[in-house]
Amino acid sequence: MSLFRSEGHLAAWLGSTKQKRGEVLSLTKVFELARAWYSDPRDPAWRPRTRDESQEVLDSVGLTGDFWELPS
């Protein structure tokens, strides 16, 4: 993950690094994803998510489309 202060900053970085543009999220969206994604692994009921459960988390915060589709 890379953080940028503006679209112009992102564009300059892309131009200087020759990287492809990926998905761009606001910090609000990143925080929303973090709240949905992370739980307390110290909880006795904790267990790793299945692929489908992880996909549901992404979908639940509006991260859909090819980029956000987890491999089968």
N, C-alpha and C. Protein backbone atom coordinates (compact mmCIF):
# COMPACT_ATOMS: atom_id res chain seq x y z
N MET A 1 0.84 -1.16 0.00
CA MET A 1 0.00 0.00 0.00
C MET A 1 0.89 1.23 0.00
N SER A 2 0.52 2.17 -0.81
CA SER A 2 1.22 3.45 -0.86
C SER A 2 0.22 4.55 -0.56
N LEU A 3 0.66 5.56 0.14
CA LEU A 3 -0.21 6.69 0.48
C LEU A 3 0.22 7.91 -0.31
N PHE A 4 -0.76 8.65 -0.82
CA PHE A 4 -0.51 9.85 -1.60
C PHE A 4 -1.38 10.98 -1.10
N ARG A 5 -0.88 12.19 -1.17
CA ARG A 5 -1.63 13.33 -0.65
C ARG A 5 -2.65 13.88 -1.64
N SER A 6 -2.52 13.49 -2.92
CA SER A 6 -3.45 14.01 -3.93
C SER A 6 -3.34 13.16 -5.19
N GLU A 7 -4.28 13.36 -6.10
CA GLU A 7 -4.21 12.69 -7.41
C GLU A 7 -2.96 13.12 -8.16
N GLY A 8 -2.58 14.40 -8.01
CA GLY A 8 -1.37 14.90 -8.66
C GLY A 8 -0.12 14.21 -8.14
N HIS A 9 -0.07 14.00 -6.84
CA HIS A 9 1.06 13.31 -6.24
C HIS A 9 1.13 11.88 -6.75
N LEU A 10 -0.02 11.23 -6.84
CA LEU A 10 -0.08 9.86 -7.38
C LEU A 10 0.40 9.85 -8.83
N ALA A 11 -0.09 10.79 -9.63
CA ALA A 11 0.29 10.83 -11.05
C ALA A 11 1.80 11.04 -11.20
N ALA A 12 2.38 11.90 -10.39
CA ALA A 12 3.82 12.14 -10.46
C ALA A 12 4.59 10.87 -10.08
N TRP A 13 4.13 10.19 -9.05
CA TRP A 13 4.79 8.95 -8.63
C TRP A 13 4.68 7.89 -9.72
N LEU A 14 3.50 7.76 -10.31
CA LEU A 14 3.34 6.78 -11.38
C LEU A 14 4.27 7.09 -12.54
N GLY A 15 4.39 8.36 -12.89
CA GLY A 15 5.26 8.76 -13.99
C GLY A 15 6.73 8.50 -13.71
N SER A 16 7.12 8.63 -12.47
CA SER A 16 8.54 8.45 -12.16
C SER A 16 8.91 6.99 -11.89
N THR A 17 7.93 6.16 -11.58
CA THR A 17 8.25 4.77 -11.24
C THR A 17 7.85 3.78 -12.33
N LYS A 18 7.03 4.20 -13.27
CA LYS A 18 6.52 3.33 -14.33
C LYS A 18 5.64 2.20 -13.77
N GLN A 19 5.11 2.39 -12.57
CA GLN A 19 4.18 1.42 -11.99
C GLN A 19 2.80 1.60 -12.63
N LYS A 20 2.02 0.55 -12.61
CA LYS A 20 0.64 0.63 -13.08
C LYS A 20 -0.24 1.12 -11.95
N ARG A 21 -1.23 1.91 -12.30
CA ARG A 21 -2.17 2.39 -11.30
C ARG A 21 -3.06 1.24 -10.86
N GLY A 22 -3.17 1.06 -9.58
CA GLY A 22 -4.06 0.06 -9.02
C GLY A 22 -5.33 0.72 -8.52
N GLU A 23 -5.91 0.16 -7.51
CA GLU A 23 -7.09 0.76 -6.91
C GLU A 23 -6.68 1.88 -5.98
N VAL A 24 -7.49 2.92 -5.93
CA VAL A 24 -7.22 4.06 -5.07
C VAL A 24 -8.38 4.17 -4.09
N LEU A 25 -8.04 4.17 -2.81
CA LEU A 25 -9.05 4.25 -1.75
C LEU A 25 -8.80 5.48 -0.90
N SER A 26 -9.87 6.07 -0.41
CA SER A 26 -9.72 7.15 0.56
C SER A 26 -9.31 6.54 1.90
N LEU A 27 -8.76 7.37 2.77
CA LEU A 27 -8.42 6.87 4.10
C LEU A 27 -9.67 6.41 4.85
N THR A 28 -10.79 7.06 4.58
CA THR A 28 -12.05 6.64 5.20
C THR A 28 -12.39 5.21 4.79
N LYS A 29 -12.23 4.89 3.51
CA LYS A 29 -12.52 3.54 3.03
C LYS A 29 -11.53 2.53 3.60
N VAL A 30 -10.26 2.91 3.69
CA VAL A 30 -9.26 2.01 4.28
C VAL A 30 -9.63 1.71 5.73
N PHE A 31 -10.05 2.72 6.47
CA PHE A 31 -10.45 2.53 7.85
C PHE A 31 -11.68 1.63 7.94
N GLU A 32 -12.63 1.84 7.05
CA GLU A 32 -13.83 0.99 7.01
C GLU A 32 -13.45 -0.47 6.76
N LEU A 33 -12.55 -0.70 5.82
CA LEU A 33 -12.09 -2.05 5.54
C LEU A 33 -11.36 -2.64 6.75
N ALA A 34 -10.50 -1.86 7.38
CA ALA A 34 -9.75 -2.35 8.53
C ALA A 34 -10.70 -2.76 9.66
N ARG A 35 -11.71 -1.96 9.90
CA ARG A 35 -12.67 -2.29 10.96
C ARG A 35 -13.41 -3.58 10.65
N ALA A 36 -13.75 -3.79 9.39
CA ALA A 36 -14.48 -5.01 9.00
C ALA A 36 -13.55 -6.22 8.96
N TRP A 37 -12.29 -6.01 8.60
CA TRP A 37 -11.36 -7.12 8.35
C TRP A 37 -10.77 -7.69 9.64
N TYR A 38 -10.33 -6.80 10.52
CA TYR A 38 -9.56 -7.25 11.67
C TYR A 38 -10.46 -7.56 12.86
N SER A 39 -10.19 -8.69 13.44
CA SER A 39 -10.85 -9.07 14.69
C SER A 39 -9.76 -9.40 15.69
N ASP A 40 -10.15 -9.79 16.86
CA ASP A 40 -9.18 -10.06 17.91
C ASP A 40 -8.79 -11.54 17.90
N PRO A 41 -7.57 -11.88 17.46
CA PRO A 41 -7.16 -13.28 17.41
C PRO A 41 -6.98 -13.89 18.80
N ARG A 42 -7.04 -13.07 19.85
CA ARG A 42 -6.97 -13.62 21.21
C ARG A 42 -8.32 -14.16 21.67
N ASP A 43 -9.37 -13.81 20.95
CA ASP A 43 -10.70 -14.30 21.27
C ASP A 43 -10.71 -15.82 21.10
N PRO A 44 -11.18 -16.57 22.12
CA PRO A 44 -11.18 -18.04 22.00
C PRO A 44 -11.97 -18.56 20.80
N ALA A 45 -12.93 -17.79 20.33
CA ALA A 45 -13.75 -18.22 19.19
C ALA A 45 -13.12 -17.86 17.84
N TRP A 46 -11.96 -17.16 17.86
CA TRP A 46 -11.33 -16.73 16.62
C TRP A 46 -10.87 -17.93 15.80
N ARG A 47 -11.02 -17.80 14.50
CA ARG A 47 -10.48 -18.76 13.54
C ARG A 47 -10.22 -18.01 12.25
N PRO A 48 -9.29 -18.49 11.45
CA PRO A 48 -9.05 -17.81 10.17
C PRO A 48 -10.31 -17.86 9.30
N ARG A 49 -10.49 -16.83 8.50
CA ARG A 49 -11.62 -16.80 7.57
C ARG A 49 -11.36 -17.72 6.39
N THR A 50 -12.45 -18.23 5.86
CA THR A 50 -12.35 -18.94 4.59
C THR A 50 -12.22 -17.90 3.48
N ARG A 51 -11.91 -18.35 2.29
CA ARG A 51 -11.84 -17.46 1.13
C ARG A 51 -13.17 -16.75 0.92
N ASP A 52 -14.28 -17.50 1.01
CA ASP A 52 -15.59 -16.91 0.79
C ASP A 52 -15.94 -15.88 1.87
N GLU A 53 -15.57 -16.16 3.11
CA GLU A 53 -15.82 -15.20 4.19
C GLU A 53 -15.00 -13.93 3.98
N SER A 54 -13.78 -14.09 3.53
CA SER A 54 -12.94 -12.92 3.23
C SER A 54 -13.53 -12.11 2.09
N GLN A 55 -14.04 -12.79 1.07
CA GLN A 55 -14.67 -12.10 -0.05
C GLN A 55 -15.90 -11.34 0.42
N GLU A 56 -16.65 -11.91 1.34
CA GLU A 56 -17.83 -11.24 1.89
C GLU A 56 -17.45 -9.94 2.60
N VAL A 57 -16.32 -9.95 3.30
CA VAL A 57 -15.87 -8.73 3.98
C VAL A 57 -15.58 -7.64 2.94
N LEU A 58 -14.85 -7.99 1.90
CA LEU A 58 -14.56 -7.00 0.85
C LEU A 58 -15.84 -6.48 0.23
N ASP A 59 -16.74 -7.38 -0.10
CA ASP A 59 -18.01 -6.99 -0.71
C ASP A 59 -18.82 -6.08 0.23
N SER A 60 -18.78 -6.38 1.53
CA SER A 60 -19.60 -5.65 2.50
C SER A 60 -19.20 -4.18 2.63
N VAL A 61 -17.95 -3.86 2.29
CA VAL A 61 -17.53 -2.46 2.35
C VAL A 61 -17.48 -1.83 0.96
N GLY A 62 -18.05 -2.53 -0.02
CA GLY A 62 -18.17 -1.96 -1.36
C GLY A 62 -16.96 -2.15 -2.24
N LEU A 63 -16.06 -3.03 -1.87
CA LEU A 63 -14.87 -3.29 -2.70
C LEU A 63 -15.18 -4.49 -3.59
N THR A 64 -15.66 -4.18 -4.77
CA THR A 64 -16.10 -5.21 -5.71
C THR A 64 -15.39 -5.02 -7.05
N GLY A 65 -15.54 -5.98 -7.91
CA GLY A 65 -14.91 -5.90 -9.23
C GLY A 65 -13.72 -6.83 -9.30
N ASP A 66 -13.15 -6.89 -10.49
CA ASP A 66 -12.06 -7.83 -10.75
C ASP A 66 -10.88 -7.66 -9.79
N PHE A 67 -10.51 -6.41 -9.50
CA PHE A 67 -9.35 -6.16 -8.65
C PHE A 67 -9.53 -6.79 -7.27
N TRP A 68 -10.76 -6.77 -6.76
CA TRP A 68 -11.05 -7.22 -5.40
C TRP A 68 -11.48 -8.67 -5.33
N GLU A 69 -11.53 -9.36 -6.45
CA GLU A 69 -11.94 -10.78 -6.45
C GLU A 69 -10.76 -11.63 -5.99
N LEU A 70 -10.97 -12.33 -4.86
CA LEU A 70 -9.92 -13.19 -4.32
C LEU A 70 -9.80 -14.47 -5.15
N PRO A 71 -8.59 -15.01 -5.26
CA PRO A 71 -8.43 -16.24 -6.04
C PRO A 71 -9.18 -17.40 -5.40
N SER A 72 -9.62 -18.31 -6.23
CA SER A 72 -10.36 -19.48 -5.73
C SER A 72 -9.44 -20.47 -5.09
